[in-house]
Amino acid sequence: MKCWHCNAELIWGNDFDIDEEDDYYQMETNLTCPQCDCLVLVYLPKDNNDDGSNDNEEYQISVELELPVDDKGNNIVHFKKKH
């Protein structure tokens, strides 16, 4: 999987099972970018039907990005605009 910001190959960190109380997701995977230090969290949806399928398309994937910041909360990753 490629980094959304800099297109470098992401490095897998861990998989974590999510509590039974969560209605939508069963696992969280975290990935990091070796180039811009971005953290990517990917959530695996639960199988909601008896046959293992999931009718709710909006929960097929959820990705959360976190960029590193300095002690003042400023983004420390800078991107060059492509022409």
N, C-alpha and C. Protein backbone atom coordinates (compact mmCIF):
# COMPACT_ATOMS: atom_id res chain seq x y z
N MET A 1 0.85 -1.17 0.00
CA MET A 1 0.00 0.00 0.00
C MET A 1 0.90 1.24 0.00
N LYS A 2 0.53 2.22 -0.79
CA LYS A 2 1.33 3.44 -0.93
C LYS A 2 0.81 4.55 -0.02
N CYS A 3 1.72 5.40 0.42
CA CYS A 3 1.37 6.56 1.23
C CYS A 3 0.56 7.55 0.39
N TRP A 4 -0.52 8.03 0.95
CA TRP A 4 -1.40 8.95 0.26
C TRP A 4 -0.71 10.30 0.02
N HIS A 5 0.24 10.67 0.87
CA HIS A 5 0.89 11.97 0.75
C HIS A 5 2.14 11.96 -0.13
N CYS A 6 3.00 10.95 0.03
CA CYS A 6 4.28 10.99 -0.70
C CYS A 6 4.48 9.80 -1.63
N ASN A 7 3.57 8.85 -1.63
CA ASN A 7 3.58 7.70 -2.53
C ASN A 7 4.66 6.66 -2.21
N ALA A 8 5.28 6.75 -1.03
CA ALA A 8 6.25 5.72 -0.61
C ALA A 8 5.48 4.48 -0.16
N GLU A 9 6.14 3.34 -0.18
CA GLU A 9 5.52 2.10 0.27
C GLU A 9 5.39 2.13 1.80
N LEU A 10 4.17 1.89 2.31
CA LEU A 10 3.93 1.89 3.75
C LEU A 10 4.46 0.62 4.39
N ILE A 11 4.84 0.73 5.67
CA ILE A 11 5.37 -0.40 6.43
C ILE A 11 4.32 -0.83 7.44
N TRP A 12 4.00 -2.13 7.44
CA TRP A 12 3.02 -2.67 8.38
C TRP A 12 3.58 -2.61 9.79
N GLY A 13 2.74 -2.20 10.74
CA GLY A 13 3.14 -2.14 12.14
C GLY A 13 2.51 -3.26 12.94
N ASN A 14 1.19 -3.20 13.12
CA ASN A 14 0.46 -4.18 13.92
C ASN A 14 -0.98 -4.29 13.46
N ASP A 15 -1.61 -5.39 13.85
CA ASP A 15 -3.05 -5.58 13.74
C ASP A 15 -3.59 -5.70 15.15
N PHE A 16 -4.72 -5.06 15.42
CA PHE A 16 -5.35 -5.13 16.73
C PHE A 16 -6.80 -5.52 16.57
N ASP A 17 -7.25 -6.51 17.33
CA ASP A 17 -8.67 -6.85 17.37
C ASP A 17 -9.42 -5.73 18.06
N ILE A 18 -10.61 -5.42 17.53
CA ILE A 18 -11.45 -4.37 18.11
C ILE A 18 -12.52 -5.03 18.97
N ASP A 19 -12.89 -4.37 20.05
CA ASP A 19 -13.88 -4.90 21.00
C ASP A 19 -15.16 -5.34 20.31
N GLU A 20 -15.80 -6.34 20.91
CA GLU A 20 -17.07 -6.85 20.41
C GLU A 20 -18.15 -5.77 20.36
N GLU A 21 -18.04 -4.75 21.21
CA GLU A 21 -19.06 -3.71 21.28
C GLU A 21 -19.11 -2.85 20.02
N ASP A 22 -18.04 -2.81 19.24
CA ASP A 22 -18.03 -2.01 18.01
C ASP A 22 -18.95 -2.65 16.99
N ASP A 23 -19.87 -1.87 16.44
CA ASP A 23 -20.87 -2.40 15.52
C ASP A 23 -20.34 -2.61 14.10
N TYR A 24 -19.26 -1.95 13.73
CA TYR A 24 -18.86 -1.93 12.34
C TYR A 24 -17.53 -2.59 12.02
N TYR A 25 -16.57 -2.51 12.93
CA TYR A 25 -15.22 -2.97 12.60
C TYR A 25 -14.74 -4.07 13.53
N GLN A 26 -13.91 -4.97 12.98
CA GLN A 26 -13.39 -6.07 13.78
C GLN A 26 -11.88 -5.99 14.01
N MET A 27 -11.16 -5.22 13.17
CA MET A 27 -9.71 -5.15 13.31
C MET A 27 -9.19 -3.79 12.85
N GLU A 28 -8.15 -3.32 13.53
CA GLU A 28 -7.45 -2.09 13.15
C GLU A 28 -6.02 -2.47 12.77
N THR A 29 -5.57 -1.99 11.62
CA THR A 29 -4.19 -2.21 11.17
C THR A 29 -3.50 -0.86 11.12
N ASN A 30 -2.27 -0.79 11.65
CA ASN A 30 -1.55 0.47 11.54
C ASN A 30 -0.33 0.29 10.64
N LEU A 31 -0.13 1.29 9.81
CA LEU A 31 0.98 1.33 8.86
C LEU A 31 1.67 2.67 9.00
N THR A 32 2.97 2.71 8.75
CA THR A 32 3.71 3.96 8.82
C THR A 32 4.47 4.18 7.52
N CYS A 33 4.72 5.45 7.23
CA CYS A 33 5.47 5.82 6.04
C CYS A 33 6.92 6.11 6.43
N PRO A 34 7.89 5.42 5.82
CA PRO A 34 9.28 5.66 6.16
C PRO A 34 9.81 7.00 5.62
N GLN A 35 9.09 7.59 4.68
CA GLN A 35 9.56 8.82 4.06
C GLN A 35 9.04 10.08 4.75
N CYS A 36 7.73 10.15 5.05
CA CYS A 36 7.17 11.38 5.65
C CYS A 36 6.62 11.15 7.06
N ASP A 37 6.83 9.95 7.63
CA ASP A 37 6.42 9.61 9.00
C ASP A 37 4.92 9.66 9.22
N CYS A 38 4.14 9.55 8.17
CA CYS A 38 2.69 9.52 8.28
C CYS A 38 2.26 8.21 8.96
N LEU A 39 1.22 8.26 9.76
CA LEU A 39 0.63 7.07 10.37
C LEU A 39 -0.71 6.82 9.70
N VAL A 40 -0.95 5.60 9.23
CA VAL A 40 -2.19 5.25 8.55
C VAL A 40 -2.87 4.15 9.34
N LEU A 41 -4.14 4.36 9.70
CA LEU A 41 -4.93 3.36 10.40
C LEU A 41 -6.00 2.86 9.43
N VAL A 42 -6.09 1.54 9.27
CA VAL A 42 -7.06 0.92 8.38
C VAL A 42 -7.97 0.05 9.22
N TYR A 43 -9.29 0.17 9.02
CA TYR A 43 -10.26 -0.58 9.80
C TYR A 43 -10.94 -1.62 8.92
N LEU A 44 -10.92 -2.87 9.37
CA LEU A 44 -11.55 -3.97 8.65
C LEU A 44 -12.99 -4.11 9.13
N PRO A 45 -13.97 -4.05 8.20
CA PRO A 45 -15.37 -4.16 8.63
C PRO A 45 -15.72 -5.57 9.08
N LYS A 46 -16.73 -5.65 9.95
CA LYS A 46 -17.24 -6.94 10.40
C LYS A 46 -18.09 -7.55 9.30
N ASP A 47 -18.21 -8.87 9.32
CA ASP A 47 -19.15 -9.58 8.46
C ASP A 47 -20.50 -9.50 9.15
N ASN A 48 -21.47 -8.84 8.53
CA ASN A 48 -22.76 -8.62 9.19
C ASN A 48 -23.82 -9.65 8.82
N ASN A 49 -23.60 -10.43 7.78
CA ASN A 49 -24.58 -11.42 7.35
C ASN A 49 -24.13 -12.82 7.71
N ASP A 50 -25.06 -13.75 7.75
CA ASP A 50 -24.74 -15.13 8.08
C ASP A 50 -23.77 -15.76 7.09
N ASP A 51 -23.79 -15.29 5.83
CA ASP A 51 -22.92 -15.88 4.80
C ASP A 51 -21.54 -15.23 4.77
N GLY A 52 -21.26 -14.31 5.69
CA GLY A 52 -19.95 -13.68 5.74
C GLY A 52 -19.83 -12.41 4.91
N SER A 53 -20.92 -12.01 4.24
CA SER A 53 -20.88 -10.80 3.43
C SER A 53 -21.29 -9.59 4.26
N ASN A 54 -21.10 -8.42 3.68
CA ASN A 54 -21.43 -7.18 4.37
C ASN A 54 -22.20 -6.31 3.39
N ASP A 55 -23.49 -6.05 3.67
CA ASP A 55 -24.34 -5.26 2.78
C ASP A 55 -24.08 -3.77 2.86
N ASN A 56 -23.47 -3.31 3.91
CA ASN A 56 -23.31 -1.89 4.13
C ASN A 56 -22.04 -1.39 3.46
N GLU A 57 -22.16 -0.90 2.23
CA GLU A 57 -21.01 -0.49 1.42
C GLU A 57 -20.19 0.63 2.06
N GLU A 58 -20.84 1.52 2.83
CA GLU A 58 -20.10 2.65 3.38
C GLU A 58 -19.08 2.22 4.43
N TYR A 59 -19.14 0.99 4.91
CA TYR A 59 -18.19 0.51 5.91
C TYR A 59 -17.18 -0.47 5.34
N GLN A 60 -17.02 -0.50 4.03
CA GLN A 60 -16.10 -1.45 3.43
C GLN A 60 -14.65 -1.15 3.76
N ILE A 61 -14.29 0.11 3.89
CA ILE A 61 -12.94 0.46 4.32
C ILE A 61 -12.97 1.84 4.95
N SER A 62 -12.15 2.01 5.94
CA SER A 62 -12.00 3.31 6.58
C SER A 62 -10.51 3.52 6.81
N VAL A 63 -9.99 4.64 6.36
CA VAL A 63 -8.58 4.94 6.51
C VAL A 63 -8.44 6.28 7.24
N GLU A 64 -7.57 6.31 8.22
CA GLU A 64 -7.33 7.52 8.99
C GLU A 64 -5.85 7.86 8.88
N LEU A 65 -5.53 9.09 8.53
CA LEU A 65 -4.14 9.52 8.38
C LEU A 65 -3.77 10.48 9.51
N GLU A 66 -2.59 10.32 10.05
CA GLU A 66 -2.08 11.25 11.05
C GLU A 66 -0.68 11.67 10.63
N LEU A 67 -0.49 12.98 10.47
CA LEU A 67 0.82 13.52 10.11
C LEU A 67 1.55 13.97 11.36
N PRO A 68 2.87 13.84 11.37
CA PRO A 68 3.63 14.30 12.53
C PRO A 68 3.56 15.82 12.67
N VAL A 69 3.52 16.28 13.92
CA VAL A 69 3.48 17.71 14.21
C VAL A 69 4.56 18.06 15.23
N ASP A 70 4.93 19.34 15.26
CA ASP A 70 5.91 19.78 16.25
C ASP A 70 5.21 20.08 17.58
N ASP A 71 5.94 20.59 18.55
CA ASP A 71 5.36 20.82 19.88
C ASP A 71 4.32 21.94 19.90
N LYS A 72 4.21 22.71 18.82
CA LYS A 72 3.19 23.75 18.72
C LYS A 72 1.99 23.31 17.89
N GLY A 73 2.02 22.05 17.44
CA GLY A 73 0.91 21.53 16.65
C GLY A 73 1.00 21.82 15.17
N ASN A 74 2.15 22.33 14.70
CA ASN A 74 2.34 22.62 13.28
C ASN A 74 2.78 21.36 12.54
N ASN A 75 2.24 21.18 11.36
CA ASN A 75 2.61 20.05 10.52
C ASN A 75 4.09 20.15 10.17
N ILE A 76 4.85 19.09 10.40
CA ILE A 76 6.29 19.14 10.10
C ILE A 76 6.63 18.44 8.79
N VAL A 77 5.62 17.96 8.10
CA VAL A 77 5.83 17.36 6.78
C VAL A 77 5.43 18.41 5.75
N HIS A 78 6.31 18.69 4.83
CA HIS A 78 6.05 19.69 3.81
C HIS A 78 6.05 19.01 2.44
N PHE A 79 5.10 19.39 1.62
CA PHE A 79 4.94 18.76 0.32
C PHE A 79 5.20 19.78 -0.78
N LYS A 80 5.85 19.31 -1.83
CA LYS A 80 6.11 20.16 -2.98
C LYS A 80 4.97 19.99 -3.97
N LYS A 81 4.52 21.10 -4.50
CA LYS A 81 3.45 21.06 -5.49
C LYS A 81 4.03 20.60 -6.82
N LYS A 82 3.39 19.60 -7.43
CA LYS A 82 3.83 19.11 -8.74
C LYS A 82 3.25 20.00 -9.82
N HIS A 83 4.06 20.28 -10.82
CA HIS A 83 3.61 21.14 -11.92
C HIS A 83 3.27 20.30 -13.12
